[in-house]
Amino acid sequence: MSGYLWQGDVLILNLHVQPKASKDEWSGLYGDRLKLRIKAPPIDGKANSHLLKFIAGEFGVSKSACKLLNGESGRDKRVAITEPCTFPIELNISQHL
């Protein structure tokens, strides 16, 4: 599966985010990116804040362990997750050993 890479203990996700979805969910691949649908609208940073909160929950880390690296105002984003504890089954991400 593409859409992610490890840099030491940090997992980098390359995402294509669809805001204003009916529910938060992973939706497979969009080109070479992981597609993620989120409920929040893309207004006043609400979508980015919701995105980081959702990803933190999915990977079993605090929100402060997730950082938006780029893509603040677009749909294509890169997110860094420091020392993720759990991995969503839908993504089939291999744990870093």
PDB file of N, CA and C in Angstrom:
ATOM      1  N   MET A   1       0.859  -1.182   0.000  1.00  0.00           N
ATOM      2  CA  MET A   1       0.000   0.000   0.000  1.00  0.00           C
ATOM      3  C   MET A   1       0.897   1.233   0.000  1.00  0.00           C
ATOM      4  N   SER A   2       0.586   2.165  -0.838  1.00  0.00           N
ATOM      5  CA  SER A   2       1.335   3.414  -0.852  1.00  0.00           C
ATOM      6  C   SER A   2       0.597   4.443  -0.008  1.00  0.00           C
ATOM      7  N   GLY A   3       1.110   5.633   0.042  1.00  0.00           N
ATOM      8  CA  GLY A   3       0.452   6.681   0.798  1.00  0.00           C
ATOM      9  C   GLY A   3       1.071   6.944   2.150  1.00  0.00           C
ATOM     10  N   TYR A   4       2.095   6.170   2.514  1.00  0.00           N
ATOM     11  CA  TYR A   4       2.758   6.409   3.791  1.00  0.00           C
ATOM     12  C   TYR A   4       4.226   6.013   3.705  1.00  0.00           C
ATOM     13  N   LEU A   5       5.015   6.542   4.635  1.00  0.00           N
ATOM     14  CA  LEU A   5       6.406   6.126   4.760  1.00  0.00           C
ATOM     15  C   LEU A   5       6.858   6.375   6.186  1.00  0.00           C
ATOM     16  N   TRP A   6       7.859   5.622   6.586  1.00  0.00           N
ATOM     17  CA  TRP A   6       8.428   5.774   7.927  1.00  0.00           C
ATOM     18  C   TRP A   6       9.696   6.607   7.854  1.00  0.00           C
ATOM     19  N   GLN A   7       9.881   7.511   8.798  1.00  0.00           N
ATOM     20  CA  GLN A   7      11.124   8.243   9.009  1.00  0.00           C
ATOM     21  C   GLN A   7      11.478   8.069  10.477  1.00  0.00           C
ATOM     22  N   GLY A   8      12.261   7.055  10.764  1.00  0.00           N
ATOM     23  CA  GLY A   8      12.554   6.701  12.155  1.00  0.00           C
ATOM     24  C   GLY A   8      11.281   6.224  12.831  1.00  0.00           C
ATOM     25  N   ASP A   9      10.910   6.851  13.946  1.00  0.00           N
ATOM     26  CA  ASP A   9       9.693   6.489  14.676  1.00  0.00           C
ATOM     27  C   ASP A   9       8.487   7.329  14.259  1.00  0.00           C
ATOM     28  N   VAL A  10       8.639   8.094  13.186  1.00  0.00           N
ATOM     29  CA  VAL A  10       7.567   8.966  12.716  1.00  0.00           C
ATOM     30  C   VAL A  10       6.961   8.388  11.444  1.00  0.00           C
ATOM     31  N   LEU A  11       5.642   8.263  11.446  1.00  0.00           N
ATOM     32  CA  LEU A  11       4.900   7.796  10.277  1.00  0.00           C
ATOM     33  C   LEU A  11       4.393   9.019   9.525  1.00  0.00           C
ATOM     34  N   ILE A  12       4.717   9.111   8.235  1.00  0.00           N
ATOM     35  CA  ILE A  12       4.266  10.214   7.396  1.00  0.00           C
ATOM     36  C   ILE A  12       3.145   9.698   6.499  1.00  0.00           C
ATOM     37  N   LEU A  13       1.977  10.338   6.577  1.00  0.00           N
ATOM     38  CA  LEU A  13       0.850   9.978   5.720  1.00  0.00           C
ATOM     39  C   LEU A  13       0.700  11.016   4.617  1.00  0.00           C
ATOM     40  N   ASN A  14       0.575  10.551   3.385  1.00  0.00           N
ATOM     41  CA  ASN A  14       0.242  11.417   2.256  1.00  0.00           C
ATOM     42  C   ASN A  14      -1.243  11.230   2.004  1.00  0.00           C
ATOM     43  N   LEU A  15      -2.010  12.283   2.227  1.00  0.00           N
ATOM     44  CA  LEU A  15      -3.466  12.179   2.222  1.00  0.00           C
ATOM     45  C   LEU A  15      -4.119  13.021   1.136  1.00  0.00           C
ATOM     46  N   HIS A  16      -5.262  12.539   0.683  1.00  0.00           N
ATOM     47  CA  HIS A  16      -6.201  13.339  -0.095  1.00  0.00           C
ATOM     48  C   HIS A  16      -7.462  13.384   0.765  1.00  0.00           C
ATOM     49  N   VAL A  17      -7.814  14.580   1.235  1.00  0.00           N
ATOM     50  CA  VAL A  17      -8.897  14.731   2.203  1.00  0.00           C
ATOM     51  C   VAL A  17     -10.134  15.310   1.527  1.00  0.00           C
ATOM     52  N   GLN A  18     -11.266  14.670   1.778  1.00  0.00           N
ATOM     53  CA  GLN A  18     -12.549  15.172   1.291  1.00  0.00           C
ATOM     54  C   GLN A  18     -13.348  15.676   2.490  1.00  0.00           C
ATOM     55  N   PRO A  19     -13.494  17.004   2.621  1.00  0.00           N
ATOM     56  CA  PRO A  19     -14.270  17.556   3.741  1.00  0.00           C
ATOM     57  C   PRO A  19     -15.769  17.468   3.476  1.00  0.00           C
ATOM     58  N   LYS A  20     -16.555  17.766   4.504  1.00  0.00           N
ATOM     59  CA  LYS A  20     -18.022  17.762   4.445  1.00  0.00           C
ATOM     60  C   LYS A  20     -18.610  16.419   3.990  1.00  0.00           C
ATOM     61  N   ALA A  21     -17.995  15.333   4.411  1.00  0.00           N
ATOM     62  CA  ALA A  21     -18.512  13.999   4.110  1.00  0.00           C
ATOM     63  C   ALA A  21     -19.604  13.640   5.115  1.00  0.00           C
ATOM     64  N   SER A  22     -20.345  12.596   4.832  1.00  0.00           N
ATOM     65  CA  SER A  22     -21.407  12.177   5.742  1.00  0.00           C
ATOM     66  C   SER A  22     -20.857  11.523   7.006  1.00  0.00           C
ATOM     67  N   LYS A  23     -19.631  10.978   6.929  1.00  0.00           N
ATOM     68  CA  LYS A  23     -18.993  10.390   8.109  1.00  0.00           C
ATOM     69  C   LYS A  23     -17.482  10.385   7.911  1.00  0.00           C
ATOM     70  N   ASP A  24     -16.759  10.220   9.012  1.00  0.00           N
ATOM     71  CA  ASP A  24     -15.300  10.114   8.964  1.00  0.00           C
ATOM     72  C   ASP A  24     -14.948   8.682   8.583  1.00  0.00           C
ATOM     73  N   GLU A  25     -14.153   8.535   7.506  1.00  0.00           N
ATOM     74  CA  GLU A  25     -13.768   7.181   7.092  1.00  0.00           C
ATOM     75  C   GLU A  25     -12.603   7.212   6.111  1.00  0.00           C
ATOM     76  N   TRP A  26     -11.833   6.130   6.131  1.00  0.00           N
ATOM     77  CA  TRP A  26     -10.791   5.911   5.142  1.00  0.00           C
ATOM     78  C   TRP A  26     -11.476   5.395   3.878  1.00  0.00           C
ATOM     79  N   SER A  27     -11.027   5.869   2.703  1.00  0.00           N
ATOM     80  CA  SER A  27     -11.681   5.490   1.449  1.00  0.00           C
ATOM     81  C   SER A  27     -10.703   4.941   0.422  1.00  0.00           C
ATOM     82  N   GLY A  28      -9.712   4.198   0.850  1.00  0.00           N
ATOM     83  CA  GLY A  28      -8.778   3.578  -0.079  1.00  0.00           C
ATOM     84  C   GLY A  28      -7.722   4.557  -0.570  1.00  0.00           C
ATOM     85  N   LEU A  29      -7.365   4.404  -1.851  1.00  0.00           N
ATOM     86  CA  LEU A  29      -6.330   5.249  -2.441  1.00  0.00           C
ATOM     87  C   LEU A  29      -6.915   6.257  -3.409  1.00  0.00           C
ATOM     88  N   TYR A  30      -6.231   7.378  -3.527  1.00  0.00           N
ATOM     89  CA  TYR A  30      -6.543   8.404  -4.515  1.00  0.00           C
ATOM     90  C   TYR A  30      -5.207   8.703  -5.178  1.00  0.00           C
ATOM     91  N   GLY A  31      -4.930   8.057  -6.299  1.00  0.00           N
ATOM     92  CA  GLY A  31      -3.593   8.132  -6.896  1.00  0.00           C
ATOM     93  C   GLY A  31      -2.603   7.451  -5.977  1.00  0.00           C
ATOM     94  N   ASP A  32      -1.575   8.178  -5.555  1.00  0.00           N
ATOM     95  CA  ASP A  32      -0.585   7.620  -4.630  1.00  0.00           C
ATOM     96  C   ASP A  32      -0.791   8.108  -3.200  1.00  0.00           C
ATOM     97  N   ARG A  33      -1.985   8.594  -2.902  1.00  0.00           N
ATOM     98  CA  ARG A  33      -2.315   9.105  -1.570  1.00  0.00           C
ATOM     99  C   ARG A  33      -3.437   8.280  -0.941  1.00  0.00           C
ATOM    100  N   LEU A  34      -3.466   8.274   0.387  1.00  0.00           N
ATOM    101  CA  LEU A  34      -4.576   7.664   1.113  1.00  0.00           C
ATOM    102  C   LEU A  34      -5.738   8.649   1.095  1.00  0.00           C
ATOM    103  N   LYS A  35      -6.926   8.169   0.772  1.00  0.00           N
ATOM    104  CA  LYS A  35      -8.088   9.054   0.754  1.00  0.00           C
ATOM    105  C   LYS A  35      -8.803   8.961   2.095  1.00  0.00           C
ATOM    106  N   LEU A  36      -9.117  10.120   2.638  1.00  0.00           N
ATOM    107  CA  LEU A  36      -9.803  10.209   3.920  1.00  0.00           C
ATOM    108  C   LEU A  36     -10.973  11.170   3.779  1.00  0.00           C
ATOM    109  N   ARG A  37     -12.133  10.702   4.160  1.00  0.00           N
ATOM    110  CA  ARG A  37     -13.342  11.539   4.151  1.00  0.00           C
ATOM    111  C   ARG A  37     -13.596  11.978   5.591  1.00  0.00           C
ATOM    112  N   ILE A  38     -13.820  13.298   5.782  1.00  0.00           N
ATOM    113  CA  ILE A  38     -14.116  13.800   7.127  1.00  0.00           C
ATOM    114  C   ILE A  38     -15.370  14.664   7.095  1.00  0.00           C
ATOM    115  N   LYS A  39     -16.056  14.707   8.247  1.00  0.00           N
ATOM    116  CA  LYS A  39     -17.332  15.429   8.347  1.00  0.00           C
ATOM    117  C   LYS A  39     -17.160  16.937   8.395  1.00  0.00           C
ATOM    118  N   ALA A  40     -16.070  17.419   8.903  1.00  0.00           N
ATOM    119  CA  ALA A  40     -15.895  18.860   9.140  1.00  0.00           C
ATOM    120  C   ALA A  40     -15.827  19.653   7.834  1.00  0.00           C
ATOM    121  N   PRO A  41     -16.368  20.879   7.848  1.00  0.00           N
ATOM    122  CA  PRO A  41     -16.286  21.744   6.662  1.00  0.00           C
ATOM    123  C   PRO A  41     -14.908  22.429   6.591  1.00  0.00           C
ATOM    124  N   PRO A  42     -14.481  22.795   5.394  1.00  0.00           N
ATOM    125  CA  PRO A  42     -13.175  23.455   5.245  1.00  0.00           C
ATOM    126  C   PRO A  42     -13.253  24.965   5.521  1.00  0.00           C
ATOM    127  N   ILE A  43     -13.718  25.312   6.706  1.00  0.00           N
ATOM    128  CA  ILE A  43     -13.918  26.717   7.070  1.00  0.00           C
ATOM    129  C   ILE A  43     -13.133  27.022   8.346  1.00  0.00           C
ATOM    130  N   ASP A  44     -12.350  28.082   8.318  1.00  0.00           N
ATOM    131  CA  ASP A  44     -11.605  28.560   9.495  1.00  0.00           C
ATOM    132  C   ASP A  44     -10.760  27.469  10.163  1.00  0.00           C
ATOM    133  N   GLY A  45     -10.156  26.576   9.385  1.00  0.00           N
ATOM    134  CA  GLY A  45      -9.288  25.539   9.930  1.00  0.00           C
ATOM    135  C   GLY A  45     -10.003  24.403  10.625  1.00  0.00           C
ATOM    136  N   LYS A  46     -11.345  24.375  10.567  1.00  0.00           N
ATOM    137  CA  LYS A  46     -12.092  23.312  11.245  1.00  0.00           C
ATOM    138  C   LYS A  46     -11.758  21.936  10.677  1.00  0.00           C
ATOM    139  N   ALA A  47     -11.601  21.841   9.369  1.00  0.00           N
ATOM    140  CA  ALA A  47     -11.297  20.549   8.757  1.00  0.00           C
ATOM    141  C   ALA A  47      -9.922  20.049   9.188  1.00  0.00           C
ATOM    142  N   ASN A  48      -8.933  20.923   9.229  1.00  0.00           N
ATOM    143  CA  ASN A  48      -7.586  20.506   9.641  1.00  0.00           C
ATOM    144  C   ASN A  48      -7.565  20.072  11.101  1.00  0.00           C
ATOM    145  N   SER A  49      -8.241  20.814  11.955  1.00  0.00           N
ATOM    146  CA  SER A  49      -8.299  20.455  13.367  1.00  0.00           C
ATOM    147  C   SER A  49      -9.000  19.109  13.551  1.00  0.00           C
ATOM    148  N   HIS A  50     -10.109  18.926  12.850  1.00  0.00           N
ATOM    149  CA  HIS A  50     -10.857  17.665  12.925  1.00  0.00           C
ATOM    150  C   HIS A  50     -10.014  16.513  12.366  1.00  0.00           C
ATOM    151  N   LEU A  51      -9.299  16.770  11.285  1.00  0.00           N
ATOM    152  CA  LEU A  51      -8.431  15.764  10.671  1.00  0.00           C
ATOM    153  C   LEU A  51      -7.400  15.263  11.672  1.00  0.00           C
ATOM    154  N   LEU A  52      -6.708  16.166  12.343  1.00  0.00           N
ATOM    155  CA  LEU A  52      -5.676  15.767  13.301  1.00  0.00           C
ATOM    156  C   LEU A  52      -6.268  15.018  14.488  1.00  0.00           C
ATOM    157  N   LYS A  53      -7.440  15.438  14.949  1.00  0.00           N
ATOM    158  CA  LYS A  53      -8.107  14.737  16.049  1.00  0.00           C
ATOM    159  C   LYS A  53      -8.501  13.319  15.621  1.00  0.00           C
ATOM    160  N   PHE A  54      -9.047  13.179  14.416  1.00  0.00           N
ATOM    161  CA  PHE A  54      -9.440  11.862  13.905  1.00  0.00           C
ATOM    162  C   PHE A  54      -8.222  10.950  13.766  1.00  0.00           C
ATOM    163  N   ILE A  55      -7.151  11.468  13.163  1.00  0.00           N
ATOM    164  CA  ILE A  55      -5.939  10.664  12.966  1.00  0.00           C
ATOM    165  C   ILE A  55      -5.337  10.256  14.304  1.00  0.00           C
ATOM    166  N   ALA A  56      -5.319  11.164  15.278  1.00  0.00           N
ATOM    167  CA  ALA A  56      -4.802  10.823  16.609  1.00  0.00           C
ATOM    168  C   ALA A  56      -5.567   9.648  17.206  1.00  0.00           C
ATOM    169  N   GLY A  57      -6.886   9.678  17.095  1.00  0.00           N
ATOM    170  CA  GLY A  57      -7.701   8.572  17.600  1.00  0.00           C
ATOM    171  C   GLY A  57      -7.457   7.270  16.862  1.00  0.00           C
ATOM    172  N   GLU A  58      -7.308   7.356  15.557  1.00  0.00           N
ATOM    173  CA  GLU A  58      -7.086   6.157  14.742  1.00  0.00           C
ATOM    174  C   GLU A  58      -5.741   5.492  15.037  1.00  0.00           C
ATOM    175  N   PHE A  59      -4.733   6.289  15.364  1.00  0.00           N
ATOM    176  CA  PHE A  59      -3.391   5.760  15.588  1.00  0.00           C
ATOM    177  C   PHE A  59      -3.011   5.678  17.063  1.00  0.00           C
ATOM    178  N   GLY A  60      -3.958   5.955  17.961  1.00  0.00           N
ATOM    179  CA  GLY A  60      -3.746   5.780  19.389  1.00  0.00           C
ATOM    180  C   GLY A  60      -2.713   6.710  20.001  1.00  0.00           C
ATOM    181  N   VAL A  61      -2.680   7.953  19.526  1.00  0.00           N
ATOM    182  CA  VAL A  61      -1.741   8.934  20.064  1.00  0.00           C
ATOM    183  C   VAL A  61      -2.507  10.195  20.470  1.00  0.00           C
ATOM    184  N   SER A  62      -1.831  11.095  21.159  1.00  0.00           N
ATOM    185  CA  SER A  62      -2.462  12.373  21.485  1.00  0.00           C
ATOM    186  C   SER A  62      -2.465  13.259  20.238  1.00  0.00           C
ATOM    187  N   LYS A  63      -3.335  14.238  20.238  1.00  0.00           N
ATOM    188  CA  LYS A  63      -3.409  15.153  19.098  1.00  0.00           C
ATOM    189  C   LYS A  63      -2.085  15.884  18.905  1.00  0.00           C
ATOM    190  N   SER A  64      -1.350  16.118  19.991  1.00  0.00           N
ATOM    191  CA  SER A  64      -0.064  16.819  19.883  1.00  0.00           C
ATOM    192  C   SER A  64       1.010  15.970  19.196  1.00  0.00           C
ATOM    193  N   ALA A  65       0.776  14.659  19.072  1.00  0.00           N
ATOM    194  CA  ALA A  65       1.717  13.776  18.373  1.00  0.00           C
ATOM    195  C   ALA A  65       1.480  13.787  16.870  1.00  0.00           C
ATOM    196  N   CYS A  66       0.452  14.496  16.415  1.00  0.00           N
ATOM    197  CA  CYS A  66       0.131  14.602  14.990  1.00  0.00           C
ATOM    198  C   CYS A  66       0.401  16.023  14.526  1.00  0.00           C
ATOM    199  N   LYS A  67       1.097  16.131  13.417  1.00  0.00           N
ATOM    200  CA  LYS A  67       1.448  17.458  12.916  1.00  0.00           C
ATOM    201  C   LYS A  67       1.161  17.533  11.425  1.00  0.00           C
ATOM    202  N   LEU A  68       0.498  18.602  11.016  1.00  0.00           N
ATOM    203  CA  LEU A  68       0.239  18.858   9.607  1.00  0.00           C
ATOM    204  C   LEU A  68       1.509  19.455   9.008  1.00  0.00           C
ATOM    205  N   LEU A  69       2.164  18.714   8.117  1.00  0.00           N
ATOM    206  CA  LEU A  69       3.423  19.168   7.534  1.00  0.00           C
ATOM    207  C   LEU A  69       3.205  20.131   6.377  1.00  0.00           C
ATOM    208  N   ASN A  70       2.251  19.822   5.528  1.00  0.00           N
ATOM    209  CA  ASN A  70       1.883  20.747   4.459  1.00  0.00           C
ATOM    210  C   ASN A  70       0.498  20.419   3.938  1.00  0.00           C
ATOM    211  N   GLY A  71      -0.065  21.370   3.183  1.00  0.00           N
ATOM    212  CA  GLY A  71      -1.405  21.205   2.647  1.00  0.00           C
ATOM    213  C   GLY A  71      -2.474  21.866   3.485  1.00  0.00           C
ATOM    214  N   GLU A  72      -2.113  22.898   4.218  1.00  0.00           N
ATOM    215  CA  GLU A  72      -3.057  23.541   5.133  1.00  0.00           C
ATOM    216  C   GLU A  72      -4.336  24.009   4.441  1.00  0.00           C
ATOM    217  N   SER A  73      -4.222  24.510   3.211  1.00  0.00           N
ATOM    218  CA  SER A  73      -5.410  25.051   2.548  1.00  0.00           C
ATOM    219  C   SER A  73      -5.877  24.212   1.358  1.00  0.00           C
ATOM    220  N   GLY A  74      -5.280  23.058   1.131  1.00  0.00           N
ATOM    221  CA  GLY A  74      -5.691  22.216   0.009  1.00  0.00           C
ATOM    222  C   GLY A  74      -6.169  20.856   0.470  1.00  0.00           C
ATOM    223  N   ARG A  75      -6.582  20.043  -0.470  1.00  0.00           N
ATOM    224  CA  ARG A  75      -7.039  18.690  -0.135  1.00  0.00           C
ATOM    225  C   ARG A  75      -5.890  17.705   0.032  1.00  0.00           C
ATOM    226  N   ASP A  76      -4.783  17.941  -0.663  1.00  0.00           N
ATOM    227  CA  ASP A  76      -3.621  17.068  -0.531  1.00  0.00           C
ATOM    228  C   ASP A  76      -2.783  17.530   0.642  1.00  0.00           C
ATOM    229  N   LYS A  77      -2.577  16.628   1.597  1.00  0.00           N
ATOM    230  CA  LYS A  77      -1.907  16.977   2.848  1.00  0.00           C
ATOM    231  C   LYS A  77      -0.876  15.925   3.208  1.00  0.00           C
ATOM    232  N   ARG A  78       0.105  16.333   4.010  1.00  0.00           N
ATOM    233  CA  ARG A  78       1.075  15.408   4.607  1.00  0.00           C
ATOM    234  C   ARG A  78       0.975  15.584   6.111  1.00  0.00           C
ATOM    235  N   VAL A  79       0.821  14.466   6.809  1.00  0.00           N
ATOM    236  CA  VAL A  79       0.677  14.479   8.264  1.00  0.00           C
ATOM    237  C   VAL A  79       1.738  13.561   8.868  1.00  0.00           C
ATOM    238  N   ALA A  80       2.411  14.046   9.902  1.00  0.00           N
ATOM    239  CA  ALA A  80       3.399  13.250  10.637  1.00  0.00           C
ATOM    240  C   ALA A  80       2.775  12.778  11.946  1.00  0.00           C
ATOM    241  N   ILE A  81       2.966  11.502  12.252  1.00  0.00           N
ATOM    242  CA  ILE A  81       2.468  10.917  13.504  1.00  0.00           C
ATOM    243  C   ILE A  81       3.670  10.348  14.242  1.00  0.00           C
ATOM    244  N   THR A  82       3.956  10.884  15.412  1.00  0.00           N
ATOM    245  CA  THR A  82       5.089  10.432  16.210  1.00  0.00           C
ATOM    246  C   THR A  82       4.705   9.198  17.020  1.00  0.00           C
ATOM    247  N   GLU A  83       5.457   8.135  16.841  1.00  0.00           N
ATOM    248  CA  GLU A  83       5.296   6.876  17.571  1.00  0.00           C
ATOM    249  C   GLU A  83       3.850   6.388  17.640  1.00  0.00           C
ATOM    250  N   PRO A  84       3.231   6.094  16.495  1.00  0.00           N
ATOM    251  CA  PRO A  84       1.853   5.581  16.526  1.00  0.00           C
ATOM    252  C   PRO A  84       1.773   4.252  17.272  1.00  0.00           C
ATOM    253  N   CYS A  85       0.676   4.074  18.007  1.00  0.00           N
ATOM    254  CA  CYS A  85       0.498   2.874  18.839  1.00  0.00           C
ATOM    255  C   CYS A  85      -0.382   1.826  18.169  1.00  0.00           C
ATOM    256  N   THR A  86      -1.398   2.270  17.455  1.00  0.00           N
ATOM    257  CA  THR A  86      -2.310   1.360  16.771  1.00  0.00           C
ATOM    258  C   THR A  86      -2.389   1.772  15.305  1.00  0.00           C
ATOM    259  N   PHE A  87      -2.905   0.856  14.486  1.00  0.00           N
ATOM    260  CA  PHE A  87      -2.972   1.108  13.051  1.00  0.00           C
ATOM    261  C   PHE A  87      -4.329   0.685  12.516  1.00  0.00           C
ATOM    262  N   PRO A  88      -5.010   1.581  11.790  1.00  0.00           N
ATOM    263  CA  PRO A  88      -6.316   1.226  11.238  1.00  0.00           C
ATOM    264  C   PRO A  88      -6.193   0.032  10.291  1.00  0.00           C
ATOM    265  N   ILE A  89      -7.033  -0.960  10.495  1.00  0.00           N
ATOM    266  CA  ILE A  89      -7.002  -2.168   9.662  1.00  0.00           C
ATOM    267  C   ILE A  89      -7.209  -1.839   8.194  1.00  0.00           C
ATOM    268  N   GLU A  90      -8.028  -0.822   7.907  1.00  0.00           N
ATOM    269  CA  GLU A  90      -8.335  -0.463   6.517  1.00  0.00           C
ATOM    270  C   GLU A  90      -7.090  -0.054   5.737  1.00  0.00           C
ATOM    271  N   LEU A  91      -6.067   0.419   6.433  1.00  0.00           N
ATOM    272  CA  LEU A  91      -4.883   0.941   5.754  1.00  0.00           C
ATOM    273  C   LEU A  91      -3.799  -0.099   5.528  1.00  0.00           C
ATOM    274  N   ASN A  92      -3.833  -1.186   6.273  1.00  0.00           N
ATOM    275  CA  ASN A  92      -2.844  -2.253   6.110  1.00  0.00           C
ATOM    276  C   ASN A  92      -1.420  -1.697   6.201  1.00  0.00           C
ATOM    277  N   ILE A  93      -1.165  -0.860   7.193  1.00  0.00           N
ATOM    278  CA  ILE A  93       0.157  -0.270   7.391  1.00  0.00           C
ATOM    279  C   ILE A  93       0.992  -1.224   8.229  1.00  0.00           C
ATOM    280  N   SER A  94       2.197  -1.512   7.735  1.00  0.00           N
ATOM    281  CA  SER A  94       3.081  -2.384   8.496  1.00  0.00           C
ATOM    282  C   SER A  94       3.748  -1.582   9.609  1.00  0.00           C
ATOM    283  N   GLN A  95       3.804  -2.185  10.777  1.00  0.00           N
ATOM    284  CA  GLN A  95       4.406  -1.503  11.912  1.00  0.00           C
ATOM    285  C   GLN A  95       5.898  -1.387  11.703  1.00  0.00           C
ATOM    286  N   HIS A  96       6.448  -0.294  12.169  1.00  0.00           N
ATOM    287  CA  HIS A  96       7.883  -0.040  12.082  1.00  0.00           C
ATOM    288  C   HIS A  96       8.560  -0.772  13.232  1.00  0.00           C
ATOM    289  N   LEU A  97       9.528  -1.566  12.925  1.00  0.00           N
ATOM    290  CA  LEU A  97      10.203  -2.328  13.991  1.00  0.00           C
ATOM    291  C   LEU A  97      11.563  -1.789  14.285  1.00  0.00           C
TER     292      LEU A  97
END
